[in-house]
Amino acid sequence: FCEAGVPVCTYLSNRLVSFRMYPNG
């Protein structure tokens, strides 16, 4: 994306998005 000239940003979700990463052990 950066190479294509598209700005890239990363944010904390502040609980608006949640996930469970490794439920399989």
PDBML (XML) file of the C-alpha atoms, coordinates in Angstrom:
<?xml version="1.0" encoding="UTF-8" ?>
<PDBx:datablock datablockName="MODEL"
   xmlns:PDBx="http://pdbml.pdb.org/schema/pdbx-v50.xsd"
   xmlns:xsi="http://www.w3.org/2001/XMLSchema-instance"
   xsi:schemaLocation="http://pdbml.pdb.org/schema/pdbx-v50.xsd pdbx-v50.xsd">
   <PDBx:atom_siteCategory>
      <PDBx:atom_site id="1">
         <PDBx:B_iso_or_equiv>0.00</PDBx:B_iso_or_equiv>
         <PDBx:Cartn_x>0.000</PDBx:Cartn_x>
         <PDBx:Cartn_y>0.000</PDBx:Cartn_y>
         <PDBx:Cartn_z>0.000</PDBx:Cartn_z>
         <PDBx:auth_asym_id>A</PDBx:auth_asym_id>
         <PDBx:auth_atom_id>CA</PDBx:auth_atom_id>
         <PDBx:auth_comp_id>PHE</PDBx:auth_comp_id>
         <PDBx:auth_seq_id>1</PDBx:auth_seq_id>
         <PDBx:group_PDB>ATOM</PDBx:group_PDB>
         <PDBx:label_alt_id xsi:nil="true" />
         <PDBx:label_asym_id>A</PDBx:label_asym_id>
         <PDBx:label_atom_id>CA</PDBx:label_atom_id>
         <PDBx:label_comp_id>PHE</PDBx:label_comp_id>
         <PDBx:label_entity_id>1</PDBx:label_entity_id>
         <PDBx:label_seq_id>1</PDBx:label_seq_id>
         <PDBx:occupancy>1.00</PDBx:occupancy>
         <PDBx:pdbx_PDB_model_num>1</PDBx:pdbx_PDB_model_num>
         <PDBx:type_symbol>C</PDBx:type_symbol>
      </PDBx:atom_site>
      <PDBx:atom_site id="2">
         <PDBx:B_iso_or_equiv>0.00</PDBx:B_iso_or_equiv>
         <PDBx:Cartn_x>2.818</PDBx:Cartn_x>
         <PDBx:Cartn_y>2.399</PDBx:Cartn_y>
         <PDBx:Cartn_z>0.892</PDBx:Cartn_z>
         <PDBx:auth_asym_id>A</PDBx:auth_asym_id>
         <PDBx:auth_atom_id>CA</PDBx:auth_atom_id>
         <PDBx:auth_comp_id>CYS</PDBx:auth_comp_id>
         <PDBx:auth_seq_id>2</PDBx:auth_seq_id>
         <PDBx:group_PDB>ATOM</PDBx:group_PDB>
         <PDBx:label_alt_id xsi:nil="true" />
         <PDBx:label_asym_id>A</PDBx:label_asym_id>
         <PDBx:label_atom_id>CA</PDBx:label_atom_id>
         <PDBx:label_comp_id>CYS</PDBx:label_comp_id>
         <PDBx:label_entity_id>1</PDBx:label_entity_id>
         <PDBx:label_seq_id>2</PDBx:label_seq_id>
         <PDBx:occupancy>1.00</PDBx:occupancy>
         <PDBx:pdbx_PDB_model_num>1</PDBx:pdbx_PDB_model_num>
         <PDBx:type_symbol>C</PDBx:type_symbol>
      </PDBx:atom_site>
      <PDBx:atom_site id="3">
         <PDBx:B_iso_or_equiv>0.00</PDBx:B_iso_or_equiv>
         <PDBx:Cartn_x>4.584</PDBx:Cartn_x>
         <PDBx:Cartn_y>1.690</PDBx:Cartn_y>
         <PDBx:Cartn_z>-2.404</PDBx:Cartn_z>
         <PDBx:auth_asym_id>A</PDBx:auth_asym_id>
         <PDBx:auth_atom_id>CA</PDBx:auth_atom_id>
         <PDBx:auth_comp_id>GLU</PDBx:auth_comp_id>
         <PDBx:auth_seq_id>3</PDBx:auth_seq_id>
         <PDBx:group_PDB>ATOM</PDBx:group_PDB>
         <PDBx:label_alt_id xsi:nil="true" />
         <PDBx:label_asym_id>A</PDBx:label_asym_id>
         <PDBx:label_atom_id>CA</PDBx:label_atom_id>
         <PDBx:label_comp_id>GLU</PDBx:label_comp_id>
         <PDBx:label_entity_id>1</PDBx:label_entity_id>
         <PDBx:label_seq_id>3</PDBx:label_seq_id>
         <PDBx:occupancy>1.00</PDBx:occupancy>
         <PDBx:pdbx_PDB_model_num>1</PDBx:pdbx_PDB_model_num>
         <PDBx:type_symbol>C</PDBx:type_symbol>
      </PDBx:atom_site>
      <PDBx:atom_site id="4">
         <PDBx:B_iso_or_equiv>0.00</PDBx:B_iso_or_equiv>
         <PDBx:Cartn_x>1.315</PDBx:Cartn_x>
         <PDBx:Cartn_y>2.434</PDBx:Cartn_y>
         <PDBx:Cartn_z>-4.214</PDBx:Cartn_z>
         <PDBx:auth_asym_id>A</PDBx:auth_asym_id>
         <PDBx:auth_atom_id>CA</PDBx:auth_atom_id>
         <PDBx:auth_comp_id>ALA</PDBx:auth_comp_id>
         <PDBx:auth_seq_id>4</PDBx:auth_seq_id>
         <PDBx:group_PDB>ATOM</PDBx:group_PDB>
         <PDBx:label_alt_id xsi:nil="true" />
         <PDBx:label_asym_id>A</PDBx:label_asym_id>
         <PDBx:label_atom_id>CA</PDBx:label_atom_id>
         <PDBx:label_comp_id>ALA</PDBx:label_comp_id>
         <PDBx:label_entity_id>1</PDBx:label_entity_id>
         <PDBx:label_seq_id>4</PDBx:label_seq_id>
         <PDBx:occupancy>1.00</PDBx:occupancy>
         <PDBx:pdbx_PDB_model_num>1</PDBx:pdbx_PDB_model_num>
         <PDBx:type_symbol>C</PDBx:type_symbol>
      </PDBx:atom_site>
      <PDBx:atom_site id="5">
         <PDBx:B_iso_or_equiv>0.00</PDBx:B_iso_or_equiv>
         <PDBx:Cartn_x>1.049</PDBx:Cartn_x>
         <PDBx:Cartn_y>5.819</PDBx:Cartn_y>
         <PDBx:Cartn_z>-2.486</PDBx:Cartn_z>
         <PDBx:auth_asym_id>A</PDBx:auth_asym_id>
         <PDBx:auth_atom_id>CA</PDBx:auth_atom_id>
         <PDBx:auth_comp_id>GLY</PDBx:auth_comp_id>
         <PDBx:auth_seq_id>5</PDBx:auth_seq_id>
         <PDBx:group_PDB>ATOM</PDBx:group_PDB>
         <PDBx:label_alt_id xsi:nil="true" />
         <PDBx:label_asym_id>A</PDBx:label_asym_id>
         <PDBx:label_atom_id>CA</PDBx:label_atom_id>
         <PDBx:label_comp_id>GLY</PDBx:label_comp_id>
         <PDBx:label_entity_id>1</PDBx:label_entity_id>
         <PDBx:label_seq_id>5</PDBx:label_seq_id>
         <PDBx:occupancy>1.00</PDBx:occupancy>
         <PDBx:pdbx_PDB_model_num>1</PDBx:pdbx_PDB_model_num>
         <PDBx:type_symbol>C</PDBx:type_symbol>
      </PDBx:atom_site>
      <PDBx:atom_site id="6">
         <PDBx:B_iso_or_equiv>0.00</PDBx:B_iso_or_equiv>
         <PDBx:Cartn_x>-1.797</PDBx:Cartn_x>
         <PDBx:Cartn_y>4.831</PDBx:Cartn_y>
         <PDBx:Cartn_z>-0.148</PDBx:Cartn_z>
         <PDBx:auth_asym_id>A</PDBx:auth_asym_id>
         <PDBx:auth_atom_id>CA</PDBx:auth_atom_id>
         <PDBx:auth_comp_id>VAL</PDBx:auth_comp_id>
         <PDBx:auth_seq_id>6</PDBx:auth_seq_id>
         <PDBx:group_PDB>ATOM</PDBx:group_PDB>
         <PDBx:label_alt_id xsi:nil="true" />
         <PDBx:label_asym_id>A</PDBx:label_asym_id>
         <PDBx:label_atom_id>CA</PDBx:label_atom_id>
         <PDBx:label_comp_id>VAL</PDBx:label_comp_id>
         <PDBx:label_entity_id>1</PDBx:label_entity_id>
         <PDBx:label_seq_id>6</PDBx:label_seq_id>
         <PDBx:occupancy>1.00</PDBx:occupancy>
         <PDBx:pdbx_PDB_model_num>1</PDBx:pdbx_PDB_model_num>
         <PDBx:type_symbol>C</PDBx:type_symbol>
      </PDBx:atom_site>
      <PDBx:atom_site id="7">
         <PDBx:B_iso_or_equiv>0.00</PDBx:B_iso_or_equiv>
         <PDBx:Cartn_x>-1.360</PDBx:Cartn_x>
         <PDBx:Cartn_y>6.212</PDBx:Cartn_y>
         <PDBx:Cartn_z>3.419</PDBx:Cartn_z>
         <PDBx:auth_asym_id>A</PDBx:auth_asym_id>
         <PDBx:auth_atom_id>CA</PDBx:auth_atom_id>
         <PDBx:auth_comp_id>PRO</PDBx:auth_comp_id>
         <PDBx:auth_seq_id>7</PDBx:auth_seq_id>
         <PDBx:group_PDB>ATOM</PDBx:group_PDB>
         <PDBx:label_alt_id xsi:nil="true" />
         <PDBx:label_asym_id>A</PDBx:label_asym_id>
         <PDBx:label_atom_id>CA</PDBx:label_atom_id>
         <PDBx:label_comp_id>PRO</PDBx:label_comp_id>
         <PDBx:label_entity_id>1</PDBx:label_entity_id>
         <PDBx:label_seq_id>7</PDBx:label_seq_id>
         <PDBx:occupancy>1.00</PDBx:occupancy>
         <PDBx:pdbx_PDB_model_num>1</PDBx:pdbx_PDB_model_num>
         <PDBx:type_symbol>C</PDBx:type_symbol>
      </PDBx:atom_site>
      <PDBx:atom_site id="8">
         <PDBx:B_iso_or_equiv>0.00</PDBx:B_iso_or_equiv>
         <PDBx:Cartn_x>-1.262</PDBx:Cartn_x>
         <PDBx:Cartn_y>3.495</PDBx:Cartn_y>
         <PDBx:Cartn_z>6.093</PDBx:Cartn_z>
         <PDBx:auth_asym_id>A</PDBx:auth_asym_id>
         <PDBx:auth_atom_id>CA</PDBx:auth_atom_id>
         <PDBx:auth_comp_id>VAL</PDBx:auth_comp_id>
         <PDBx:auth_seq_id>8</PDBx:auth_seq_id>
         <PDBx:group_PDB>ATOM</PDBx:group_PDB>
         <PDBx:label_alt_id xsi:nil="true" />
         <PDBx:label_asym_id>A</PDBx:label_asym_id>
         <PDBx:label_atom_id>CA</PDBx:label_atom_id>
         <PDBx:label_comp_id>VAL</PDBx:label_comp_id>
         <PDBx:label_entity_id>1</PDBx:label_entity_id>
         <PDBx:label_seq_id>8</PDBx:label_seq_id>
         <PDBx:occupancy>1.00</PDBx:occupancy>
         <PDBx:pdbx_PDB_model_num>1</PDBx:pdbx_PDB_model_num>
         <PDBx:type_symbol>C</PDBx:type_symbol>
      </PDBx:atom_site>
      <PDBx:atom_site id="9">
         <PDBx:B_iso_or_equiv>0.00</PDBx:B_iso_or_equiv>
         <PDBx:Cartn_x>-2.332</PDBx:Cartn_x>
         <PDBx:Cartn_y>4.075</PDBx:Cartn_y>
         <PDBx:Cartn_z>9.714</PDBx:Cartn_z>
         <PDBx:auth_asym_id>A</PDBx:auth_asym_id>
         <PDBx:auth_atom_id>CA</PDBx:auth_atom_id>
         <PDBx:auth_comp_id>CYS</PDBx:auth_comp_id>
         <PDBx:auth_seq_id>9</PDBx:auth_seq_id>
         <PDBx:group_PDB>ATOM</PDBx:group_PDB>
         <PDBx:label_alt_id xsi:nil="true" />
         <PDBx:label_asym_id>A</PDBx:label_asym_id>
         <PDBx:label_atom_id>CA</PDBx:label_atom_id>
         <PDBx:label_comp_id>CYS</PDBx:label_comp_id>
         <PDBx:label_entity_id>1</PDBx:label_entity_id>
         <PDBx:label_seq_id>9</PDBx:label_seq_id>
         <PDBx:occupancy>1.00</PDBx:occupancy>
         <PDBx:pdbx_PDB_model_num>1</PDBx:pdbx_PDB_model_num>
         <PDBx:type_symbol>C</PDBx:type_symbol>
      </PDBx:atom_site>
      <PDBx:atom_site id="10">
         <PDBx:B_iso_or_equiv>0.00</PDBx:B_iso_or_equiv>
         <PDBx:Cartn_x>-2.699</PDBx:Cartn_x>
         <PDBx:Cartn_y>1.745</PDBx:Cartn_y>
         <PDBx:Cartn_z>12.719</PDBx:Cartn_z>
         <PDBx:auth_asym_id>A</PDBx:auth_asym_id>
         <PDBx:auth_atom_id>CA</PDBx:auth_atom_id>
         <PDBx:auth_comp_id>THR</PDBx:auth_comp_id>
         <PDBx:auth_seq_id>10</PDBx:auth_seq_id>
         <PDBx:group_PDB>ATOM</PDBx:group_PDB>
         <PDBx:label_alt_id xsi:nil="true" />
         <PDBx:label_asym_id>A</PDBx:label_asym_id>
         <PDBx:label_atom_id>CA</PDBx:label_atom_id>
         <PDBx:label_comp_id>THR</PDBx:label_comp_id>
         <PDBx:label_entity_id>1</PDBx:label_entity_id>
         <PDBx:label_seq_id>10</PDBx:label_seq_id>
         <PDBx:occupancy>1.00</PDBx:occupancy>
         <PDBx:pdbx_PDB_model_num>1</PDBx:pdbx_PDB_model_num>
         <PDBx:type_symbol>C</PDBx:type_symbol>
      </PDBx:atom_site>
      <PDBx:atom_site id="11">
         <PDBx:B_iso_or_equiv>0.00</PDBx:B_iso_or_equiv>
         <PDBx:Cartn_x>-4.837</PDBx:Cartn_x>
         <PDBx:Cartn_y>2.482</PDBx:Cartn_y>
         <PDBx:Cartn_z>15.780</PDBx:Cartn_z>
         <PDBx:auth_asym_id>A</PDBx:auth_asym_id>
         <PDBx:auth_atom_id>CA</PDBx:auth_atom_id>
         <PDBx:auth_comp_id>TYR</PDBx:auth_comp_id>
         <PDBx:auth_seq_id>11</PDBx:auth_seq_id>
         <PDBx:group_PDB>ATOM</PDBx:group_PDB>
         <PDBx:label_alt_id xsi:nil="true" />
         <PDBx:label_asym_id>A</PDBx:label_asym_id>
         <PDBx:label_atom_id>CA</PDBx:label_atom_id>
         <PDBx:label_comp_id>TYR</PDBx:label_comp_id>
         <PDBx:label_entity_id>1</PDBx:label_entity_id>
         <PDBx:label_seq_id>11</PDBx:label_seq_id>
         <PDBx:occupancy>1.00</PDBx:occupancy>
         <PDBx:pdbx_PDB_model_num>1</PDBx:pdbx_PDB_model_num>
         <PDBx:type_symbol>C</PDBx:type_symbol>
      </PDBx:atom_site>
      <PDBx:atom_site id="12">
         <PDBx:B_iso_or_equiv>0.00</PDBx:B_iso_or_equiv>
         <PDBx:Cartn_x>-5.867</PDBx:Cartn_x>
         <PDBx:Cartn_y>0.881</PDBx:Cartn_y>
         <PDBx:Cartn_z>19.064</PDBx:Cartn_z>
         <PDBx:auth_asym_id>A</PDBx:auth_asym_id>
         <PDBx:auth_atom_id>CA</PDBx:auth_atom_id>
         <PDBx:auth_comp_id>LEU</PDBx:auth_comp_id>
         <PDBx:auth_seq_id>12</PDBx:auth_seq_id>
         <PDBx:group_PDB>ATOM</PDBx:group_PDB>
         <PDBx:label_alt_id xsi:nil="true" />
         <PDBx:label_asym_id>A</PDBx:label_asym_id>
         <PDBx:label_atom_id>CA</PDBx:label_atom_id>
         <PDBx:label_comp_id>LEU</PDBx:label_comp_id>
         <PDBx:label_entity_id>1</PDBx:label_entity_id>
         <PDBx:label_seq_id>12</PDBx:label_seq_id>
         <PDBx:occupancy>1.00</PDBx:occupancy>
         <PDBx:pdbx_PDB_model_num>1</PDBx:pdbx_PDB_model_num>
         <PDBx:type_symbol>C</PDBx:type_symbol>
      </PDBx:atom_site>
      <PDBx:atom_site id="13">
         <PDBx:B_iso_or_equiv>0.00</PDBx:B_iso_or_equiv>
         <PDBx:Cartn_x>-9.493</PDBx:Cartn_x>
         <PDBx:Cartn_y>-0.256</PDBx:Cartn_y>
         <PDBx:Cartn_z>18.985</PDBx:Cartn_z>
         <PDBx:auth_asym_id>A</PDBx:auth_asym_id>
         <PDBx:auth_atom_id>CA</PDBx:auth_atom_id>
         <PDBx:auth_comp_id>SER</PDBx:auth_comp_id>
         <PDBx:auth_seq_id>13</PDBx:auth_seq_id>
         <PDBx:group_PDB>ATOM</PDBx:group_PDB>
         <PDBx:label_alt_id xsi:nil="true" />
         <PDBx:label_asym_id>A</PDBx:label_asym_id>
         <PDBx:label_atom_id>CA</PDBx:label_atom_id>
         <PDBx:label_comp_id>SER</PDBx:label_comp_id>
         <PDBx:label_entity_id>1</PDBx:label_entity_id>
         <PDBx:label_seq_id>13</PDBx:label_seq_id>
         <PDBx:occupancy>1.00</PDBx:occupancy>
         <PDBx:pdbx_PDB_model_num>1</PDBx:pdbx_PDB_model_num>
         <PDBx:type_symbol>C</PDBx:type_symbol>
      </PDBx:atom_site>
      <PDBx:atom_site id="14">
         <PDBx:B_iso_or_equiv>0.00</PDBx:B_iso_or_equiv>
         <PDBx:Cartn_x>-10.356</PDBx:Cartn_x>
         <PDBx:Cartn_y>0.981</PDBx:Cartn_y>
         <PDBx:Cartn_z>22.511</PDBx:Cartn_z>
         <PDBx:auth_asym_id>A</PDBx:auth_asym_id>
         <PDBx:auth_atom_id>CA</PDBx:auth_atom_id>
         <PDBx:auth_comp_id>ASN</PDBx:auth_comp_id>
         <PDBx:auth_seq_id>14</PDBx:auth_seq_id>
         <PDBx:group_PDB>ATOM</PDBx:group_PDB>
         <PDBx:label_alt_id xsi:nil="true" />
         <PDBx:label_asym_id>A</PDBx:label_asym_id>
         <PDBx:label_atom_id>CA</PDBx:label_atom_id>
         <PDBx:label_comp_id>ASN</PDBx:label_comp_id>
         <PDBx:label_entity_id>1</PDBx:label_entity_id>
         <PDBx:label_seq_id>14</PDBx:label_seq_id>
         <PDBx:occupancy>1.00</PDBx:occupancy>
         <PDBx:pdbx_PDB_model_num>1</PDBx:pdbx_PDB_model_num>
         <PDBx:type_symbol>C</PDBx:type_symbol>
      </PDBx:atom_site>
      <PDBx:atom_site id="15">
         <PDBx:B_iso_or_equiv>0.00</PDBx:B_iso_or_equiv>
         <PDBx:Cartn_x>-12.668</PDBx:Cartn_x>
         <PDBx:Cartn_y>-2.068</PDBx:Cartn_y>
         <PDBx:Cartn_z>22.785</PDBx:Cartn_z>
         <PDBx:auth_asym_id>A</PDBx:auth_asym_id>
         <PDBx:auth_atom_id>CA</PDBx:auth_atom_id>
         <PDBx:auth_comp_id>ARG</PDBx:auth_comp_id>
         <PDBx:auth_seq_id>15</PDBx:auth_seq_id>
         <PDBx:group_PDB>ATOM</PDBx:group_PDB>
         <PDBx:label_alt_id xsi:nil="true" />
         <PDBx:label_asym_id>A</PDBx:label_asym_id>
         <PDBx:label_atom_id>CA</PDBx:label_atom_id>
         <PDBx:label_comp_id>ARG</PDBx:label_comp_id>
         <PDBx:label_entity_id>1</PDBx:label_entity_id>
         <PDBx:label_seq_id>15</PDBx:label_seq_id>
         <PDBx:occupancy>1.00</PDBx:occupancy>
         <PDBx:pdbx_PDB_model_num>1</PDBx:pdbx_PDB_model_num>
         <PDBx:type_symbol>C</PDBx:type_symbol>
      </PDBx:atom_site>
      <PDBx:atom_site id="16">
         <PDBx:B_iso_or_equiv>0.00</PDBx:B_iso_or_equiv>
         <PDBx:Cartn_x>-14.637</PDBx:Cartn_x>
         <PDBx:Cartn_y>-1.168</PDBx:Cartn_y>
         <PDBx:Cartn_z>19.642</PDBx:Cartn_z>
         <PDBx:auth_asym_id>A</PDBx:auth_asym_id>
         <PDBx:auth_atom_id>CA</PDBx:auth_atom_id>
         <PDBx:auth_comp_id>LEU</PDBx:auth_comp_id>
         <PDBx:auth_seq_id>16</PDBx:auth_seq_id>
         <PDBx:group_PDB>ATOM</PDBx:group_PDB>
         <PDBx:label_alt_id xsi:nil="true" />
         <PDBx:label_asym_id>A</PDBx:label_asym_id>
         <PDBx:label_atom_id>CA</PDBx:label_atom_id>
         <PDBx:label_comp_id>LEU</PDBx:label_comp_id>
         <PDBx:label_entity_id>1</PDBx:label_entity_id>
         <PDBx:label_seq_id>16</PDBx:label_seq_id>
         <PDBx:occupancy>1.00</PDBx:occupancy>
         <PDBx:pdbx_PDB_model_num>1</PDBx:pdbx_PDB_model_num>
         <PDBx:type_symbol>C</PDBx:type_symbol>
      </PDBx:atom_site>
      <PDBx:atom_site id="17">
         <PDBx:B_iso_or_equiv>0.00</PDBx:B_iso_or_equiv>
         <PDBx:Cartn_x>-13.173</PDBx:Cartn_x>
         <PDBx:Cartn_y>-4.307</PDBx:Cartn_y>
         <PDBx:Cartn_z>18.037</PDBx:Cartn_z>
         <PDBx:auth_asym_id>A</PDBx:auth_asym_id>
         <PDBx:auth_atom_id>CA</PDBx:auth_atom_id>
         <PDBx:auth_comp_id>VAL</PDBx:auth_comp_id>
         <PDBx:auth_seq_id>17</PDBx:auth_seq_id>
         <PDBx:group_PDB>ATOM</PDBx:group_PDB>
         <PDBx:label_alt_id xsi:nil="true" />
         <PDBx:label_asym_id>A</PDBx:label_asym_id>
         <PDBx:label_atom_id>CA</PDBx:label_atom_id>
         <PDBx:label_comp_id>VAL</PDBx:label_comp_id>
         <PDBx:label_entity_id>1</PDBx:label_entity_id>
         <PDBx:label_seq_id>17</PDBx:label_seq_id>
         <PDBx:occupancy>1.00</PDBx:occupancy>
         <PDBx:pdbx_PDB_model_num>1</PDBx:pdbx_PDB_model_num>
         <PDBx:type_symbol>C</PDBx:type_symbol>
      </PDBx:atom_site>
      <PDBx:atom_site id="18">
         <PDBx:B_iso_or_equiv>0.00</PDBx:B_iso_or_equiv>
         <PDBx:Cartn_x>-12.282</PDBx:Cartn_x>
         <PDBx:Cartn_y>-7.458</PDBx:Cartn_y>
         <PDBx:Cartn_z>19.967</PDBx:Cartn_z>
         <PDBx:auth_asym_id>A</PDBx:auth_asym_id>
         <PDBx:auth_atom_id>CA</PDBx:auth_atom_id>
         <PDBx:auth_comp_id>SER</PDBx:auth_comp_id>
         <PDBx:auth_seq_id>18</PDBx:auth_seq_id>
         <PDBx:group_PDB>ATOM</PDBx:group_PDB>
         <PDBx:label_alt_id xsi:nil="true" />
         <PDBx:label_asym_id>A</PDBx:label_asym_id>
         <PDBx:label_atom_id>CA</PDBx:label_atom_id>
         <PDBx:label_comp_id>SER</PDBx:label_comp_id>
         <PDBx:label_entity_id>1</PDBx:label_entity_id>
         <PDBx:label_seq_id>18</PDBx:label_seq_id>
         <PDBx:occupancy>1.00</PDBx:occupancy>
         <PDBx:pdbx_PDB_model_num>1</PDBx:pdbx_PDB_model_num>
         <PDBx:type_symbol>C</PDBx:type_symbol>
      </PDBx:atom_site>
      <PDBx:atom_site id="19">
         <PDBx:B_iso_or_equiv>0.00</PDBx:B_iso_or_equiv>
         <PDBx:Cartn_x>-10.904</PDBx:Cartn_x>
         <PDBx:Cartn_y>-10.894</PDBx:Cartn_y>
         <PDBx:Cartn_z>19.190</PDBx:Cartn_z>
         <PDBx:auth_asym_id>A</PDBx:auth_asym_id>
         <PDBx:auth_atom_id>CA</PDBx:auth_atom_id>
         <PDBx:auth_comp_id>PHE</PDBx:auth_comp_id>
         <PDBx:auth_seq_id>19</PDBx:auth_seq_id>
         <PDBx:group_PDB>ATOM</PDBx:group_PDB>
         <PDBx:label_alt_id xsi:nil="true" />
         <PDBx:label_asym_id>A</PDBx:label_asym_id>
         <PDBx:label_atom_id>CA</PDBx:label_atom_id>
         <PDBx:label_comp_id>PHE</PDBx:label_comp_id>
         <PDBx:label_entity_id>1</PDBx:label_entity_id>
         <PDBx:label_seq_id>19</PDBx:label_seq_id>
         <PDBx:occupancy>1.00</PDBx:occupancy>
         <PDBx:pdbx_PDB_model_num>1</PDBx:pdbx_PDB_model_num>
         <PDBx:type_symbol>C</PDBx:type_symbol>
      </PDBx:atom_site>
      <PDBx:atom_site id="20">
         <PDBx:B_iso_or_equiv>0.00</PDBx:B_iso_or_equiv>
         <PDBx:Cartn_x>-9.778</PDBx:Cartn_x>
         <PDBx:Cartn_y>-14.125</PDBx:Cartn_y>
         <PDBx:Cartn_z>20.787</PDBx:Cartn_z>
         <PDBx:auth_asym_id>A</PDBx:auth_asym_id>
         <PDBx:auth_atom_id>CA</PDBx:auth_atom_id>
         <PDBx:auth_comp_id>ARG</PDBx:auth_comp_id>
         <PDBx:auth_seq_id>20</PDBx:auth_seq_id>
         <PDBx:group_PDB>ATOM</PDBx:group_PDB>
         <PDBx:label_alt_id xsi:nil="true" />
         <PDBx:label_asym_id>A</PDBx:label_asym_id>
         <PDBx:label_atom_id>CA</PDBx:label_atom_id>
         <PDBx:label_comp_id>ARG</PDBx:label_comp_id>
         <PDBx:label_entity_id>1</PDBx:label_entity_id>
         <PDBx:label_seq_id>20</PDBx:label_seq_id>
         <PDBx:occupancy>1.00</PDBx:occupancy>
         <PDBx:pdbx_PDB_model_num>1</PDBx:pdbx_PDB_model_num>
         <PDBx:type_symbol>C</PDBx:type_symbol>
      </PDBx:atom_site>
      <PDBx:atom_site id="21">
         <PDBx:B_iso_or_equiv>0.00</PDBx:B_iso_or_equiv>
         <PDBx:Cartn_x>-6.400</PDBx:Cartn_x>
         <PDBx:Cartn_y>-15.044</PDBx:Cartn_y>
         <PDBx:Cartn_z>19.374</PDBx:Cartn_z>
         <PDBx:auth_asym_id>A</PDBx:auth_asym_id>
         <PDBx:auth_atom_id>CA</PDBx:auth_atom_id>
         <PDBx:auth_comp_id>MET</PDBx:auth_comp_id>
         <PDBx:auth_seq_id>21</PDBx:auth_seq_id>
         <PDBx:group_PDB>ATOM</PDBx:group_PDB>
         <PDBx:label_alt_id xsi:nil="true" />
         <PDBx:label_asym_id>A</PDBx:label_asym_id>
         <PDBx:label_atom_id>CA</PDBx:label_atom_id>
         <PDBx:label_comp_id>MET</PDBx:label_comp_id>
         <PDBx:label_entity_id>1</PDBx:label_entity_id>
         <PDBx:label_seq_id>21</PDBx:label_seq_id>
         <PDBx:occupancy>1.00</PDBx:occupancy>
         <PDBx:pdbx_PDB_model_num>1</PDBx:pdbx_PDB_model_num>
         <PDBx:type_symbol>C</PDBx:type_symbol>
      </PDBx:atom_site>
      <PDBx:atom_site id="22">
         <PDBx:B_iso_or_equiv>0.00</PDBx:B_iso_or_equiv>
         <PDBx:Cartn_x>-5.555</PDBx:Cartn_x>
         <PDBx:Cartn_y>-18.630</PDBx:Cartn_y>
         <PDBx:Cartn_z>20.317</PDBx:Cartn_z>
         <PDBx:auth_asym_id>A</PDBx:auth_asym_id>
         <PDBx:auth_atom_id>CA</PDBx:auth_atom_id>
         <PDBx:auth_comp_id>TYR</PDBx:auth_comp_id>
         <PDBx:auth_seq_id>22</PDBx:auth_seq_id>
         <PDBx:group_PDB>ATOM</PDBx:group_PDB>
         <PDBx:label_alt_id xsi:nil="true" />
         <PDBx:label_asym_id>A</PDBx:label_asym_id>
         <PDBx:label_atom_id>CA</PDBx:label_atom_id>
         <PDBx:label_comp_id>TYR</PDBx:label_comp_id>
         <PDBx:label_entity_id>1</PDBx:label_entity_id>
         <PDBx:label_seq_id>22</PDBx:label_seq_id>
         <PDBx:occupancy>1.00</PDBx:occupancy>
         <PDBx:pdbx_PDB_model_num>1</PDBx:pdbx_PDB_model_num>
         <PDBx:type_symbol>C</PDBx:type_symbol>
      </PDBx:atom_site>
      <PDBx:atom_site id="23">
         <PDBx:B_iso_or_equiv>0.00</PDBx:B_iso_or_equiv>
         <PDBx:Cartn_x>-8.482</PDBx:Cartn_x>
         <PDBx:Cartn_y>-20.718</PDBx:Cartn_y>
         <PDBx:Cartn_z>21.610</PDBx:Cartn_z>
         <PDBx:auth_asym_id>A</PDBx:auth_asym_id>
         <PDBx:auth_atom_id>CA</PDBx:auth_atom_id>
         <PDBx:auth_comp_id>PRO</PDBx:auth_comp_id>
         <PDBx:auth_seq_id>23</PDBx:auth_seq_id>
         <PDBx:group_PDB>ATOM</PDBx:group_PDB>
         <PDBx:label_alt_id xsi:nil="true" />
         <PDBx:label_asym_id>A</PDBx:label_asym_id>
         <PDBx:label_atom_id>CA</PDBx:label_atom_id>
         <PDBx:label_comp_id>PRO</PDBx:label_comp_id>
         <PDBx:label_entity_id>1</PDBx:label_entity_id>
         <PDBx:label_seq_id>23</PDBx:label_seq_id>
         <PDBx:occupancy>1.00</PDBx:occupancy>
         <PDBx:pdbx_PDB_model_num>1</PDBx:pdbx_PDB_model_num>
         <PDBx:type_symbol>C</PDBx:type_symbol>
      </PDBx:atom_site>
      <PDBx:atom_site id="24">
         <PDBx:B_iso_or_equiv>0.00</PDBx:B_iso_or_equiv>
         <PDBx:Cartn_x>-6.909</PDBx:Cartn_x>
         <PDBx:Cartn_y>-23.990</PDBx:Cartn_y>
         <PDBx:Cartn_z>20.403</PDBx:Cartn_z>
         <PDBx:auth_asym_id>A</PDBx:auth_asym_id>
         <PDBx:auth_atom_id>CA</PDBx:auth_atom_id>
         <PDBx:auth_comp_id>ASN</PDBx:auth_comp_id>
         <PDBx:auth_seq_id>24</PDBx:auth_seq_id>
         <PDBx:group_PDB>ATOM</PDBx:group_PDB>
         <PDBx:label_alt_id xsi:nil="true" />
         <PDBx:label_asym_id>A</PDBx:label_asym_id>
         <PDBx:label_atom_id>CA</PDBx:label_atom_id>
         <PDBx:label_comp_id>ASN</PDBx:label_comp_id>
         <PDBx:label_entity_id>1</PDBx:label_entity_id>
         <PDBx:label_seq_id>24</PDBx:label_seq_id>
         <PDBx:occupancy>1.00</PDBx:occupancy>
         <PDBx:pdbx_PDB_model_num>1</PDBx:pdbx_PDB_model_num>
         <PDBx:type_symbol>C</PDBx:type_symbol>
      </PDBx:atom_site>
      <PDBx:atom_site id="25">
         <PDBx:B_iso_or_equiv>0.00</PDBx:B_iso_or_equiv>
         <PDBx:Cartn_x>-4.207</PDBx:Cartn_x>
         <PDBx:Cartn_y>-24.451</PDBx:Cartn_y>
         <PDBx:Cartn_z>23.018</PDBx:Cartn_z>
         <PDBx:auth_asym_id>A</PDBx:auth_asym_id>
         <PDBx:auth_atom_id>CA</PDBx:auth_atom_id>
         <PDBx:auth_comp_id>GLY</PDBx:auth_comp_id>
         <PDBx:auth_seq_id>25</PDBx:auth_seq_id>
         <PDBx:group_PDB>ATOM</PDBx:group_PDB>
         <PDBx:label_alt_id xsi:nil="true" />
         <PDBx:label_asym_id>A</PDBx:label_asym_id>
         <PDBx:label_atom_id>CA</PDBx:label_atom_id>
         <PDBx:label_comp_id>GLY</PDBx:label_comp_id>
         <PDBx:label_entity_id>1</PDBx:label_entity_id>
         <PDBx:label_seq_id>25</PDBx:label_seq_id>
         <PDBx:occupancy>1.00</PDBx:occupancy>
         <PDBx:pdbx_PDB_model_num>1</PDBx:pdbx_PDB_model_num>
         <PDBx:type_symbol>C</PDBx:type_symbol>
      </PDBx:atom_site>
   </PDBx:atom_siteCategory>
</PDBx:datablock>
